[in-house]
Amino acid sequence: MPKYVPNVKYYKYPLPIHPLDNLPELVLHNPISWVFWLYSYVSSTNLLPSKVHVKFSSGKHITVADPDEMLYLWRNGFFGTAQLSRSEPTWKERTLNRLGLLESSRALEHVTEQRRLQRLEFKRERANFEAVKRELRHQGVEESEITNQERKFLQSLREQETQDQETTTTDVQFREADAELFDDNNKIVDLEVLELMPVEAMFLTFALPVLDLPAHSLARSLVGNNPSYADINDLCTKYAAYHHYRSHGWCVRSGIKFGCDFLLYKRGPPFHHAEFGIMVLNSDDSMDYTWYASSARVVGGAKKSFILCYVELLIPREEALLLWQQGKFARLFASYKMGEVMYRRWVPGKNRD
């Protein structure tokens, strides 16, 4: 059975705006079916019932606090990063599970920890069996008998893994500070918020009508009322690259832990690892070899392809600044052109072919 089949129903849509997929069945030879289908189509909408509320904290930190809205943004495009979790907002679920108040948990952290422990145990058992194999060969035992014992060894590991999954229980860990996590009604207080990157927030208010904050208000909050082009350059170039990859169907996440600007996923973090690390640069940027080598080494060490995304402004900077001040973001972002270069680290001992 595929590992991530259960996740399909949670991450069905790549963006918060959904297509009209709740239309009735159309029976071609039935006129009433046509009328009902057209009525359903005209009366349907894919807009959100209410826009997601965001607020600024500590300067440029854009956060979403409502648990349902946090989960909605994560499950519909993997937007934002939960501050008390790895990415998905699972702090409340993990805390309830730790305190024995939740029967089961799908928290990503729990699944990852369990798999790591299983891999470590398998490696230890495998190393021990390799020592047994060497001893058997030294004693002159036939290879067919060694192969048969190895087959039995692997079968015993599978049975042990199945048994561990059936009997695994979570120990209740109650700390003294946990008493402060509950309100007067003995319900746990959700302390976690979802933080959006500035480019994510701009995408969710300029490209998609999802946030309750207009694009021009967001822009003023990020760079001030009277910015220079140098003030808006970094945000504009990174947003142009972010929008570029989102529009081509990629799931774009922050790449800061790998020393780059963005990570590109074909579908999203729950399904597979990112394939590409993106570094956004101005078209006239020129770095020394040490910078390129160090950046590529970090991304390449994580088995990802390193992409240099050069963003070129096709209009004068003064005109771009004027478009920003007038709130004409569509014309402004359309004036940027993207060009990609894949940087691959060459190792003489490994790249002879």
Protein backbone atom coordinates (compact mmCIF):
# COMPACT_ATOMS: atom_id res chain seq x y z
CA MET A 1 0.00 0.00 0.00
CA PRO A 2 1.40 3.48 -0.86
CA LYS A 3 2.66 5.36 2.17
CA TYR A 4 0.70 8.58 1.67
CA VAL A 5 -2.67 7.46 0.34
CA PRO A 6 -4.57 8.76 3.42
CA ASN A 7 -3.19 12.27 2.79
CA VAL A 8 -4.91 12.59 -0.57
CA LYS A 9 -8.26 13.59 0.93
CA TYR A 10 -6.61 16.23 3.15
CA TYR A 11 -4.54 17.85 0.41
CA LYS A 12 -6.89 17.59 -2.55
CA TYR A 13 -6.52 21.17 -3.81
CA PRO A 14 -3.25 22.96 -4.67
CA LEU A 15 -4.65 26.44 -3.89
CA PRO A 16 -7.23 27.93 -1.47
CA ILE A 17 -9.55 28.80 -4.36
CA HIS A 18 -11.29 25.63 -5.50
CA PRO A 19 -12.91 24.77 -8.84
CA LEU A 20 -16.66 24.22 -9.00
CA ASP A 21 -16.62 20.49 -8.37
CA ASN A 22 -20.01 20.17 -6.63
CA LEU A 23 -22.15 20.52 -9.75
CA PRO A 24 -24.93 17.97 -10.30
CA GLU A 25 -24.70 15.22 -12.88
CA LEU A 26 -25.67 16.37 -16.37
CA VAL A 27 -28.00 14.05 -18.30
CA LEU A 28 -27.72 15.07 -21.93
CA HIS A 29 -31.13 13.86 -23.07
CA ASN A 30 -33.00 15.40 -20.12
CA PRO A 31 -33.89 19.14 -20.52
CA ILE A 32 -34.64 19.49 -16.80
CA SER A 33 -31.13 18.27 -16.03
CA TRP A 34 -29.72 21.02 -18.26
CA VAL A 35 -31.78 23.68 -16.49
CA PHE A 36 -30.78 22.45 -13.02
CA TRP A 37 -27.12 22.20 -14.02
CA LEU A 38 -27.08 25.76 -15.42
CA TYR A 39 -28.83 27.07 -12.31
CA SER A 40 -26.30 25.32 -10.06
CA TYR A 41 -23.41 26.67 -12.13
CA VAL A 42 -24.65 30.28 -12.07
CA SER A 43 -25.51 30.22 -8.37
CA SER A 44 -22.27 28.49 -7.30
CA THR A 45 -19.05 30.26 -6.35
CA ASN A 46 -15.55 29.18 -5.43
CA LEU A 47 -14.91 32.20 -3.20
CA LEU A 48 -14.36 31.71 0.51
CA PRO A 49 -17.36 32.36 2.80
CA SER A 50 -15.13 34.77 4.73
CA LYS A 51 -11.58 35.89 4.11
CA VAL A 52 -8.70 34.76 6.29
CA HIS A 53 -7.83 37.26 9.02
CA VAL A 54 -4.15 38.18 9.36
CA LYS A 55 -2.30 40.50 11.67
CA PHE A 56 1.18 41.95 11.97
CA SER A 57 3.36 41.31 14.99
CA SER A 58 6.92 42.39 15.76
CA GLY A 59 7.30 44.38 12.60
CA LYS A 60 6.99 42.28 9.46
CA HIS A 61 5.70 39.04 10.97
CA ILE A 62 2.40 38.19 9.27
CA THR A 63 0.43 35.63 11.27
CA VAL A 64 -2.87 33.75 11.19
CA ALA A 65 -4.25 32.75 14.59
CA ASP A 66 -7.57 31.01 13.92
CA PRO A 67 -7.02 27.20 14.05
CA ASP A 68 -9.46 26.46 11.22
CA GLU A 69 -7.93 29.13 8.98
CA MET A 70 -4.41 27.88 9.73
CA LEU A 71 -5.40 24.35 8.78
CA TYR A 72 -7.20 25.58 5.67
CA LEU A 73 -4.17 27.47 4.36
CA TRP A 74 -1.91 24.51 5.05
CA ARG A 75 -4.15 21.89 3.46
CA ASN A 76 -4.85 24.06 0.40
CA GLY A 77 -1.41 24.88 -0.93
CA PHE A 78 0.88 24.46 2.11
CA PHE A 79 1.05 28.16 2.92
CA GLY A 80 2.82 29.40 6.03
CA THR A 81 4.84 27.78 8.79
CA ALA A 82 3.46 27.00 12.22
CA GLN A 83 5.65 28.58 14.91
CA LEU A 84 5.47 25.67 17.38
CA SER A 85 5.64 22.86 14.82
CA ARG A 86 7.85 21.84 11.94
CA SER A 87 5.49 23.22 9.27
CA GLU A 88 1.95 21.95 9.67
CA PRO A 89 0.12 23.40 12.72
CA THR A 90 0.09 20.30 14.93
CA TRP A 91 1.06 21.72 18.35
CA LYS A 92 -2.41 21.36 19.86
CA GLU A 93 -2.85 17.84 18.55
CA ARG A 94 0.59 16.81 19.80
CA THR A 95 -0.03 18.35 23.21
CA LEU A 96 -3.38 16.60 23.60
CA ASN A 97 -1.75 13.36 22.55
CA ARG A 98 1.12 13.86 25.04
CA LEU A 99 -1.36 14.48 27.86
CA GLY A 100 -3.38 11.40 26.96
CA LEU A 101 -6.40 13.44 25.88
CA LEU A 102 -6.36 12.29 22.26
CA GLU A 103 -6.93 8.70 21.18
CA SER A 104 -4.88 8.90 18.03
CA SER A 105 -2.62 11.39 16.34
CA ARG A 106 -1.62 12.01 12.75
CA ALA A 107 0.98 14.62 13.70
CA LEU A 108 3.83 14.72 11.21
CA GLU A 109 6.40 14.94 14.00
CA HIS A 110 5.18 11.67 15.57
CA VAL A 111 5.26 9.83 12.27
CA THR A 112 8.76 11.12 11.48
CA GLU A 113 10.11 10.22 14.92
CA GLN A 114 8.67 6.70 14.73
CA ARG A 115 10.17 6.08 11.30
CA ARG A 116 13.59 7.31 12.42
CA LEU A 117 13.56 4.98 15.40
CA GLN A 118 12.54 2.07 13.18
CA ARG A 119 15.34 2.83 10.72
CA LEU A 120 17.93 3.00 13.53
CA GLU A 121 16.74 -0.31 14.97
CA PHE A 122 16.83 -1.92 11.53
CA LYS A 123 20.39 -0.70 10.94
CA ARG A 124 21.53 -2.12 14.27
CA GLU A 125 19.91 -5.49 13.62
CA ARG A 126 21.29 -5.54 10.09
CA ALA A 127 24.82 -4.83 11.31
CA ASN A 128 24.55 -7.67 13.81
CA PHE A 129 23.35 -10.07 11.13
CA GLU A 130 26.16 -9.03 8.77
CA ALA A 131 28.60 -10.08 11.49
CA VAL A 132 26.79 -13.44 11.73
CA LYS A 133 27.01 -13.88 7.95
CA ARG A 134 30.76 -13.24 7.97
CA GLU A 135 31.18 -15.82 10.74
CA LEU A 136 29.10 -18.38 8.81
CA ARG A 137 31.19 -17.86 5.66
CA HIS A 138 34.34 -18.24 7.74
CA GLN A 139 33.00 -21.57 8.98
CA GLY A 140 32.37 -22.74 5.42
CA VAL A 141 28.57 -22.72 5.46
CA GLU A 142 27.01 -22.86 1.97
CA GLU A 143 25.63 -19.64 0.46
CA SER A 144 22.18 -21.16 0.00
CA GLU A 145 21.92 -21.77 3.73
CA ILE A 146 23.13 -18.23 4.49
CA THR A 147 20.54 -16.83 2.06
CA ASN A 148 17.82 -18.87 3.73
CA GLN A 149 18.79 -17.56 7.16
CA GLU A 150 18.83 -14.00 5.83
CA ARG A 151 15.31 -14.47 4.46
CA LYS A 152 14.12 -15.69 7.86
CA PHE A 153 15.88 -12.76 9.53
CA LEU A 154 14.10 -10.20 7.32
CA GLN A 155 10.77 -11.92 7.89
CA SER A 156 11.27 -11.73 11.65
CA LEU A 157 12.00 -8.00 11.37
CA ARG A 158 8.76 -7.43 9.45
CA GLU A 159 6.76 -9.37 12.03
CA GLN A 160 8.40 -7.43 14.86
CA GLU A 161 7.63 -4.10 13.15
CA THR A 162 3.95 -5.08 12.73
CA GLN A 163 3.76 -6.16 16.36
CA ASP A 164 5.33 -2.90 17.55
CA GLN A 165 2.80 -0.86 15.56
CA GLU A 166 -0.09 -2.77 17.12
CA THR A 167 1.16 -2.51 20.70
CA THR A 168 2.63 1.01 20.64
CA THR A 169 1.16 3.24 23.33
CA THR A 170 1.88 6.85 24.12
CA ASP A 171 3.07 7.57 27.65
CA VAL A 172 1.27 10.46 29.33
CA GLN A 173 3.78 13.20 30.14
CA PHE A 174 2.29 15.88 32.40
CA ARG A 175 4.52 18.79 33.30
CA GLU A 176 4.01 21.42 35.95
CA ALA A 177 3.73 24.15 33.34
CA ASP A 178 0.94 22.25 31.53
CA ALA A 179 -1.60 23.54 34.04
CA GLU A 180 -1.31 26.96 32.43
CA LEU A 181 -2.36 25.55 29.04
CA PHE A 182 -5.99 25.14 30.12
CA ASP A 183 -8.65 27.83 30.42
CA ASP A 184 -11.43 28.09 33.02
CA ASN A 185 -13.49 25.51 31.13
CA ASN A 186 -10.62 22.97 31.21
CA LYS A 187 -10.08 23.34 27.46
CA ILE A 188 -6.59 23.65 26.09
CA VAL A 189 -5.61 27.08 24.79
CA ASP A 190 -4.17 27.03 21.29
CA LEU A 191 -0.92 29.00 21.51
CA GLU A 192 0.21 28.33 17.96
CA VAL A 193 -0.02 30.75 15.04
CA LEU A 194 0.77 30.29 11.37
CA GLU A 195 3.39 32.71 10.03
CA LEU A 196 3.32 33.70 6.37
CA MET A 197 6.29 34.86 4.35
CA PRO A 198 5.76 38.37 2.89
CA VAL A 199 5.64 36.87 -0.62
CA GLU A 200 3.04 34.33 0.51
CA ALA A 201 0.88 37.06 2.00
CA MET A 202 1.19 39.13 -1.18
CA PHE A 203 0.23 36.13 -3.30
CA LEU A 204 -2.82 35.42 -1.12
CA THR A 205 -4.10 38.98 -1.36
CA PHE A 206 -2.91 40.13 -4.80
CA ALA A 207 -3.11 36.95 -6.90
CA LEU A 208 -5.90 35.25 -4.89
CA PRO A 209 -8.64 37.00 -2.84
CA VAL A 210 -7.98 35.02 0.33
CA LEU A 211 -6.70 37.41 3.02
CA ASP A 212 -8.77 40.21 4.54
CA LEU A 213 -5.89 42.64 4.03
CA PRO A 214 -5.76 44.54 0.69
CA ALA A 215 -2.56 44.36 -1.33
CA HIS A 216 -1.79 48.08 -1.03
CA SER A 217 -2.22 47.98 2.76
CA LEU A 218 0.07 44.98 2.96
CA ALA A 219 2.65 46.76 0.79
CA ARG A 220 2.63 49.84 3.04
CA SER A 221 3.00 47.68 6.14
CA LEU A 222 6.01 45.90 4.68
CA VAL A 223 8.05 48.80 3.26
CA GLY A 224 6.44 51.99 4.58
CA ASN A 225 4.55 54.80 2.89
CA ASN A 226 7.40 56.48 0.98
CA PRO A 227 9.89 53.77 0.01
CA SER A 228 12.72 54.01 -2.49
CA TYR A 229 13.24 51.40 -5.17
CA ALA A 230 15.99 49.86 -3.06
CA ASP A 231 13.40 49.31 -0.32
CA ILE A 232 10.99 47.44 -2.58
CA ASN A 233 13.53 45.67 -4.80
CA ASP A 234 14.01 42.59 -2.62
CA LEU A 235 10.28 42.06 -2.08
CA CYS A 236 9.43 42.62 -5.76
CA THR A 237 12.08 40.27 -7.13
CA LYS A 238 11.29 37.51 -4.66
CA TYR A 239 7.55 37.86 -5.24
CA ALA A 240 8.00 37.79 -9.01
CA ALA A 241 9.93 34.52 -8.66
CA TYR A 242 7.42 33.11 -6.16
CA HIS A 243 4.45 33.93 -8.41
CA HIS A 244 6.34 32.54 -11.40
CA TYR A 245 6.77 29.10 -9.84
CA ARG A 246 3.31 29.01 -8.26
CA SER A 247 1.76 29.80 -11.63
CA HIS A 248 3.59 26.80 -13.10
CA GLY A 249 2.04 24.44 -10.56
CA TRP A 250 4.91 24.13 -8.07
CA CYS A 251 4.39 24.14 -4.32
CA VAL A 252 6.78 26.85 -3.11
CA ARG A 253 8.09 26.81 0.45
CA SER A 254 10.76 28.72 2.32
CA GLY A 255 14.27 27.38 1.74
CA ILE A 256 16.01 29.16 4.58
CA LYS A 257 17.10 25.96 6.37
CA PHE A 258 18.96 24.92 3.20
CA GLY A 259 20.56 28.31 2.61
CA CYS A 260 18.35 29.34 -0.31
CA ASP A 261 15.22 31.43 -0.85
CA PHE A 262 12.65 28.81 -1.90
CA LEU A 263 12.13 25.06 -2.16
CA LEU A 264 10.03 23.60 -4.95
CA TYR A 265 7.82 20.56 -4.36
CA LYS A 266 5.89 18.79 -7.08
CA ARG A 267 2.93 18.38 -4.73
CA GLY A 268 3.82 19.21 -1.14
CA PRO A 269 5.85 18.27 1.96
CA PRO A 270 3.59 15.38 3.11
CA PHE A 271 4.10 13.53 -0.17
CA HIS A 272 7.81 13.82 -0.97
CA HIS A 273 10.95 15.88 -0.48
CA ALA A 274 11.62 19.08 -2.42
CA GLU A 275 13.44 18.59 -5.70
CA PHE A 276 14.88 22.07 -6.24
CA GLY A 277 16.40 24.82 -4.13
CA ILE A 278 15.91 28.30 -5.63
CA MET A 279 18.20 31.28 -5.04
CA VAL A 280 16.66 34.54 -6.31
CA LEU A 281 19.13 37.12 -7.67
CA ASN A 282 18.96 40.36 -9.60
CA SER A 283 19.98 40.05 -13.22
CA ASP A 284 23.11 42.15 -12.61
CA ASP A 285 24.21 40.35 -9.44
CA SER A 286 27.67 38.79 -9.57
CA MET A 287 28.96 36.74 -6.66
CA ASP A 288 32.42 35.27 -6.13
CA TYR A 289 33.08 31.55 -6.53
CA THR A 290 33.07 30.93 -2.77
CA TRP A 291 29.45 32.11 -2.52
CA TYR A 292 28.26 29.87 -5.35
CA ALA A 293 30.21 26.88 -4.05
CA SER A 294 28.99 27.20 -0.47
CA SER A 295 25.35 27.69 -1.49
CA ALA A 296 25.41 24.77 -3.90
CA ARG A 297 27.15 22.55 -1.32
CA VAL A 298 24.34 23.01 1.22
CA VAL A 299 21.55 22.38 -1.29
CA GLY A 300 23.45 19.56 -3.00
CA GLY A 301 24.14 17.90 0.35
CA ALA A 302 20.37 17.55 0.77
CA LYS A 303 20.14 15.90 -2.69
CA LYS A 304 18.37 18.83 -4.32
CA SER A 305 19.15 20.62 -7.56
CA PHE A 306 20.40 24.19 -7.08
CA ILE A 307 18.69 26.75 -9.34
CA LEU A 308 19.86 30.34 -9.73
CA CYS A 309 16.79 32.41 -10.65
CA TYR A 310 17.86 35.73 -12.19
CA VAL A 311 15.10 38.37 -12.14
CA GLU A 312 15.39 41.22 -14.65
CA LEU A 313 13.42 44.46 -14.48
CA LEU A 314 12.33 45.45 -18.01
CA ILE A 315 11.30 49.03 -17.18
CA PRO A 316 13.20 51.91 -15.52
CA ARG A 317 13.38 51.77 -11.73
CA GLU A 318 11.64 55.14 -11.42
CA GLU A 319 8.65 53.81 -13.35
CA ALA A 320 8.59 50.65 -11.24
CA LEU A 321 8.59 52.73 -8.05
CA LEU A 322 5.73 54.86 -9.41
CA LEU A 323 3.66 51.75 -10.17
CA TRP A 324 4.27 50.53 -6.63
CA GLN A 325 3.16 53.83 -5.12
CA GLN A 326 0.03 53.84 -7.30
CA GLY A 327 -0.83 50.29 -6.29
CA LYS A 328 -0.65 48.98 -9.88
CA PHE A 329 0.94 45.70 -8.85
CA ALA A 330 -0.24 43.73 -11.89
CA ARG A 331 1.71 46.00 -14.26
CA LEU A 332 4.67 46.14 -11.88
CA PHE A 333 5.11 42.39 -11.42
CA ALA A 334 4.49 41.78 -15.13
CA SER A 335 7.54 43.93 -15.89
CA TYR A 336 9.91 41.35 -14.38
CA LYS A 337 11.47 38.60 -16.46
CA MET A 338 12.79 35.33 -15.04
CA GLY A 339 15.76 33.31 -16.20
CA GLU A 340 17.04 30.12 -14.55
CA VAL A 341 20.48 28.55 -14.44
CA MET A 342 21.08 25.17 -12.85
CA TYR A 343 24.31 25.11 -10.86
CA ARG A 344 25.81 21.69 -10.37
CA ARG A 345 28.81 20.99 -8.18
CA TRP A 346 31.48 19.07 -10.11
CA VAL A 347 33.57 16.52 -8.21
CA PRO A 348 36.51 15.08 -10.20
CA GLY A 349 36.37 11.72 -8.41
CA LYS A 350 32.64 11.19 -8.99
CA ASN A 351 31.77 12.94 -12.26
CA ARG A 352 34.07 11.21 -14.74
CA ASP A 353 31.23 9.99 -16.97
